[in-house]
Amino acid sequence: PQPRLKVLKTEEPSGRKAGVKVKSVAELVEKLKSEAGVL
Protein backbone atom coordinates (compact mmCIF):
# COMPACT_ATOMS: atom_id res chain seq x y z
CA PRO A 1 0.00 0.00 0.00
CA GLN A 2 2.78 2.46 0.82
CA PRO A 3 4.42 2.37 -2.64
CA ARG A 4 1.02 3.24 -4.13
CA LEU A 5 0.92 6.40 -2.01
CA LYS A 6 4.30 7.31 -3.49
CA VAL A 7 2.73 6.90 -6.93
CA LEU A 8 0.04 9.41 -5.95
CA LYS A 9 2.72 11.91 -4.97
CA THR A 10 4.43 11.30 -8.31
CA GLU A 11 1.19 12.21 -10.07
CA GLU A 12 0.92 15.56 -8.28
CA PRO A 13 3.83 17.33 -10.07
CA SER A 14 2.64 15.87 -13.37
CA GLY A 15 -0.75 17.58 -12.92
CA ARG A 16 0.72 21.04 -12.20
CA LYS A 17 -2.75 22.64 -12.37
CA ALA A 18 -4.51 22.53 -9.00
CA GLY A 19 -7.86 21.43 -10.46
CA VAL A 20 -6.36 18.69 -12.59
CA LYS A 21 -4.15 17.56 -9.71
CA VAL A 22 -7.09 17.27 -7.33
CA LYS A 23 -9.16 15.42 -9.90
CA SER A 24 -6.35 12.99 -10.66
CA VAL A 25 -5.66 12.31 -6.99
CA ALA A 26 -9.35 11.92 -6.24
CA GLU A 27 -9.76 9.47 -9.11
CA LEU A 28 -6.70 7.48 -8.05
CA VAL A 29 -7.93 7.41 -4.45
CA GLU A 30 -11.34 6.17 -5.56
CA LYS A 31 -9.66 3.52 -7.71
CA LEU A 32 -7.61 2.40 -4.71
CA LYS A 33 -10.79 2.29 -2.62
CA SER A 34 -12.73 0.33 -5.25
CA GLU A 35 -10.08 -1.99 -6.68
CA ALA A 36 -7.49 -2.45 -3.94
CA GLY A 37 -9.60 -1.50 -0.93
CA VAL A 38 -6.52 0.13 0.58
CA LEU A 39 -8.32 3.05 2.19
PDB file of N, CA and C in Angstrom:
ATOM      1  N   PRO A   1       0.824  -1.221   0.000  1.00  0.00           N
ATOM      2  CA  PRO A   1       0.000   0.000   0.000  1.00  0.00           C
ATOM      3  C   PRO A   1       0.852   1.263   0.000  1.00  0.00           C
ATOM      4  N   GLN A   2       1.957   1.252   0.720  1.00  0.00           N
ATOM      5  CA  GLN A   2       2.778   2.461   0.822  1.00  0.00           C
ATOM      6  C   GLN A   2       3.356   2.886  -0.518  1.00  0.00           C
ATOM      7  N   PRO A   3       3.906   1.962  -1.320  1.00  0.00           N
ATOM      8  CA  PRO A   3       4.424   2.373  -2.639  1.00  0.00           C
ATOM      9  C   PRO A   3       3.346   3.053  -3.479  1.00  0.00           C
ATOM     10  N   ARG A   4       2.092   2.629  -3.335  1.00  0.00           N
ATOM     11  CA  ARG A   4       1.020   3.240  -4.130  1.00  0.00           C
ATOM     12  C   ARG A   4       0.832   4.701  -3.727  1.00  0.00           C
ATOM     13  N   LEU A   5       1.016   5.001  -2.443  1.00  0.00           N
ATOM     14  CA  LEU A   5       0.918   6.396  -2.006  1.00  0.00           C
ATOM     15  C   LEU A   5       2.019   7.216  -2.659  1.00  0.00           C
ATOM     16  N   LYS A   6       3.199   6.603  -2.824  1.00  0.00           N
ATOM     17  CA  LYS A   6       4.297   7.306  -3.493  1.00  0.00           C
ATOM     18  C   LYS A   6       3.906   7.602  -4.937  1.00  0.00           C
ATOM     19  N   VAL A   7       3.175   6.680  -5.554  1.00  0.00           N
ATOM     20  CA  VAL A   7       2.731   6.901  -6.934  1.00  0.00           C
ATOM     21  C   VAL A   7       1.812   8.120  -6.982  1.00  0.00           C
ATOM     22  N   LEU A   8       0.934   8.251  -5.992  1.00  0.00           N
ATOM     23  CA  LEU A   8       0.038   9.409  -5.947  1.00  0.00           C
ATOM     24  C   LEU A   8       0.848  10.699  -5.896  1.00  0.00           C
ATOM     25  N   LYS A   9       1.897  10.698  -5.078  1.00  0.00           N
ATOM     26  CA  LYS A   9       2.721  11.906  -4.969  1.00  0.00           C
ATOM     27  C   LYS A   9       3.433  12.169  -6.289  1.00  0.00           C
ATOM     28  N   THR A  10       3.767  11.111  -7.020  1.00  0.00           N
ATOM     29  CA  THR A  10       4.435  11.297  -8.310  1.00  0.00           C
ATOM     30  C   THR A  10       3.465  11.946  -9.301  1.00  0.00           C
ATOM     31  N   GLU A  11       2.179  11.657  -9.151  1.00  0.00           N
ATOM     32  CA  GLU A  11       1.189  12.215 -10.067  1.00  0.00           C
ATOM     33  C   GLU A  11       0.994  13.709  -9.824  1.00  0.00           C
ATOM     34  N   GLU A  12       1.184  14.153  -8.607  1.00  0.00           N
ATOM     35  CA  GLU A  12       0.923  15.562  -8.279  1.00  0.00           C
ATOM     36  C   GLU A  12       1.727  16.529  -9.149  1.00  0.00           C
ATOM     37  N   PRO A  13       3.059  16.395  -9.232  1.00  0.00           N
ATOM     38  CA  PRO A  13       3.832  17.326 -10.066  1.00  0.00           C
ATOM     39  C   PRO A  13       3.429  17.225 -11.539  1.00  0.00           C
ATOM     40  N   SER A  14       3.025  16.039 -11.972  1.00  0.00           N
ATOM     41  CA  SER A  14       2.635  15.866 -13.374  1.00  0.00           C
ATOM     42  C   SER A  14       1.399  16.710 -13.682  1.00  0.00           C
ATOM     43  N   GLY A  15       0.486  16.828 -12.699  1.00  0.00           N
ATOM     44  CA  GLY A  15      -0.745  17.578 -12.915  1.00  0.00           C
ATOM     45  C   GLY A  15      -0.479  19.067 -13.047  1.00  0.00           C
ATOM     46  N   ARG A  16       0.413  19.601 -12.208  1.00  0.00           N
ATOM     47  CA  ARG A  16       0.719  21.044 -12.204  1.00  0.00           C
ATOM     48  C   ARG A  16      -0.528  21.850 -11.819  1.00  0.00           C
ATOM     49  N   LYS A  17      -1.544  21.855 -12.657  1.00  0.00           N
ATOM     50  CA  LYS A  17      -2.751  22.640 -12.369  1.00  0.00           C
ATOM     51  C   LYS A  17      -3.453  22.073 -11.136  1.00  0.00           C
ATOM     52  N   ALA A  18      -3.885  22.957 -10.263  1.00  0.00           N
ATOM     53  CA  ALA A  18      -4.507  22.527  -9.004  1.00  0.00           C
ATOM     54  C   ALA A  18      -5.742  21.670  -9.289  1.00  0.00           C
ATOM     55  N   GLY A  19      -6.630  22.158 -10.170  1.00  0.00           N
ATOM     56  CA  GLY A  19      -7.864  21.432 -10.457  1.00  0.00           C
ATOM     57  C   GLY A  19      -7.584  20.047 -11.008  1.00  0.00           C
ATOM     58  N   VAL A  20      -6.679  19.984 -11.969  1.00  0.00           N
ATOM     59  CA  VAL A  20      -6.358  18.693 -12.585  1.00  0.00           C
ATOM     60  C   VAL A  20      -5.720  17.786 -11.549  1.00  0.00           C
ATOM     61  N   LYS A  21      -4.843  18.356 -10.727  1.00  0.00           N
ATOM     62  CA  LYS A  21      -4.152  17.557  -9.714  1.00  0.00           C
ATOM     63  C   LYS A  21      -5.172  16.933  -8.767  1.00  0.00           C
ATOM     64  N   VAL A  22      -6.094  17.764  -8.282  1.00  0.00           N
ATOM     65  CA  VAL A  22      -7.089  17.273  -7.330  1.00  0.00           C
ATOM     66  C   VAL A  22      -7.935  16.184  -7.974  1.00  0.00           C
ATOM     67  N   LYS A  23      -8.332  16.410  -9.211  1.00  0.00           N
ATOM     68  CA  LYS A  23      -9.161  15.416  -9.900  1.00  0.00           C
ATOM     69  C   LYS A  23      -8.395  14.111 -10.050  1.00  0.00           C
ATOM     70  N   SER A  24      -7.140  14.203 -10.450  1.00  0.00           N
ATOM     71  CA  SER A  24      -6.346  12.992 -10.655  1.00  0.00           C
ATOM     72  C   SER A  24      -6.203  12.227  -9.343  1.00  0.00           C
ATOM     73  N   VAL A  25      -5.838  12.952  -8.290  1.00  0.00           N
ATOM     74  CA  VAL A  25      -5.655  12.307  -6.989  1.00  0.00           C
ATOM     75  C   VAL A  25      -6.962  11.690  -6.522  1.00  0.00           C
ATOM     76  N   ALA A  26      -8.048  12.420  -6.677  1.00  0.00           N
ATOM     77  CA  ALA A  26      -9.352  11.920  -6.241  1.00  0.00           C
ATOM     78  C   ALA A  26      -9.704  10.644  -7.000  1.00  0.00           C
ATOM     79  N   GLU A  27      -9.456  10.653  -8.313  1.00  0.00           N
ATOM     80  CA  GLU A  27      -9.762   9.465  -9.113  1.00  0.00           C
ATOM     81  C   GLU A  27      -8.899   8.292  -8.675  1.00  0.00           C
ATOM     82  N   LEU A  28      -7.611   8.549  -8.465  1.00  0.00           N
ATOM     83  CA  LEU A  28      -6.705   7.478  -8.047  1.00  0.00           C
ATOM     84  C   LEU A  28      -7.122   6.941  -6.687  1.00  0.00           C
ATOM     85  N   VAL A  29      -7.502   7.839  -5.785  1.00  0.00           N
ATOM     86  CA  VAL A  29      -7.927   7.407  -4.449  1.00  0.00           C
ATOM     87  C   VAL A  29      -9.175   6.543  -4.563  1.00  0.00           C
ATOM     88  N   GLU A  30     -10.111   6.958  -5.398  1.00  0.00           N
ATOM     89  CA  GLU A  30     -11.337   6.169  -5.564  1.00  0.00           C
ATOM     90  C   GLU A  30     -11.012   4.814  -6.167  1.00  0.00           C
ATOM     91  N   LYS A  31     -10.067   4.794  -7.114  1.00  0.00           N
ATOM     92  CA  LYS A  31      -9.663   3.518  -7.713  1.00  0.00           C
ATOM     93  C   LYS A  31      -9.051   2.623  -6.649  1.00  0.00           C
ATOM     94  N   LEU A  32      -8.216   3.199  -5.793  1.00  0.00           N
ATOM     95  CA  LEU A  32      -7.615   2.404  -4.714  1.00  0.00           C
ATOM     96  C   LEU A  32      -8.712   1.872  -3.803  1.00  0.00           C
ATOM     97  N   LYS A  33      -9.687   2.705  -3.496  1.00  0.00           N
ATOM     98  CA  LYS A  33     -10.787   2.285  -2.624  1.00  0.00           C
ATOM     99  C   LYS A  33     -11.567   1.148  -3.282  1.00  0.00           C
ATOM    100  N   SER A  34     -11.885   1.314  -4.564  1.00  0.00           N
ATOM    101  CA  SER A  34     -12.728   0.335  -5.247  1.00  0.00           C
ATOM    102  C   SER A  34     -11.954  -0.946  -5.546  1.00  0.00           C
ATOM    103  N   GLU A  35     -10.803  -0.807  -6.217  1.00  0.00           N
ATOM    104  CA  GLU A  35     -10.075  -1.988  -6.677  1.00  0.00           C
ATOM    105  C   GLU A  35      -9.277  -2.637  -5.551  1.00  0.00           C
ATOM    106  N   ALA A  36      -8.394  -1.869  -4.931  1.00  0.00           N
ATOM    107  CA  ALA A  36      -7.494  -2.455  -3.941  1.00  0.00           C
ATOM    108  C   ALA A  36      -8.137  -2.508  -2.557  1.00  0.00           C
ATOM    109  N   GLY A  37      -9.013  -1.553  -2.260  1.00  0.00           N
ATOM    110  CA  GLY A  37      -9.599  -1.500  -0.927  1.00  0.00           C
ATOM    111  C   GLY A  37      -8.553  -1.100   0.102  1.00  0.00           C
ATOM    112  N   VAL A  38      -7.609  -0.270  -0.322  1.00  0.00           N
ATOM    113  CA  VAL A  38      -6.522   0.129   0.579  1.00  0.00           C
ATOM    114  C   VAL A  38      -7.042   1.075   1.645  1.00  0.00           C
ATOM    115  N   LEU A  39      -7.864   2.042   1.231  1.00  0.00           N
ATOM    116  CA  LEU A  39      -8.320   3.049   2.187  1.00  0.00           C
ATOM    117  C   LEU A  39      -9.686   2.650   2.737  1.00  0.00           C
TER     118      LEU A  39
END
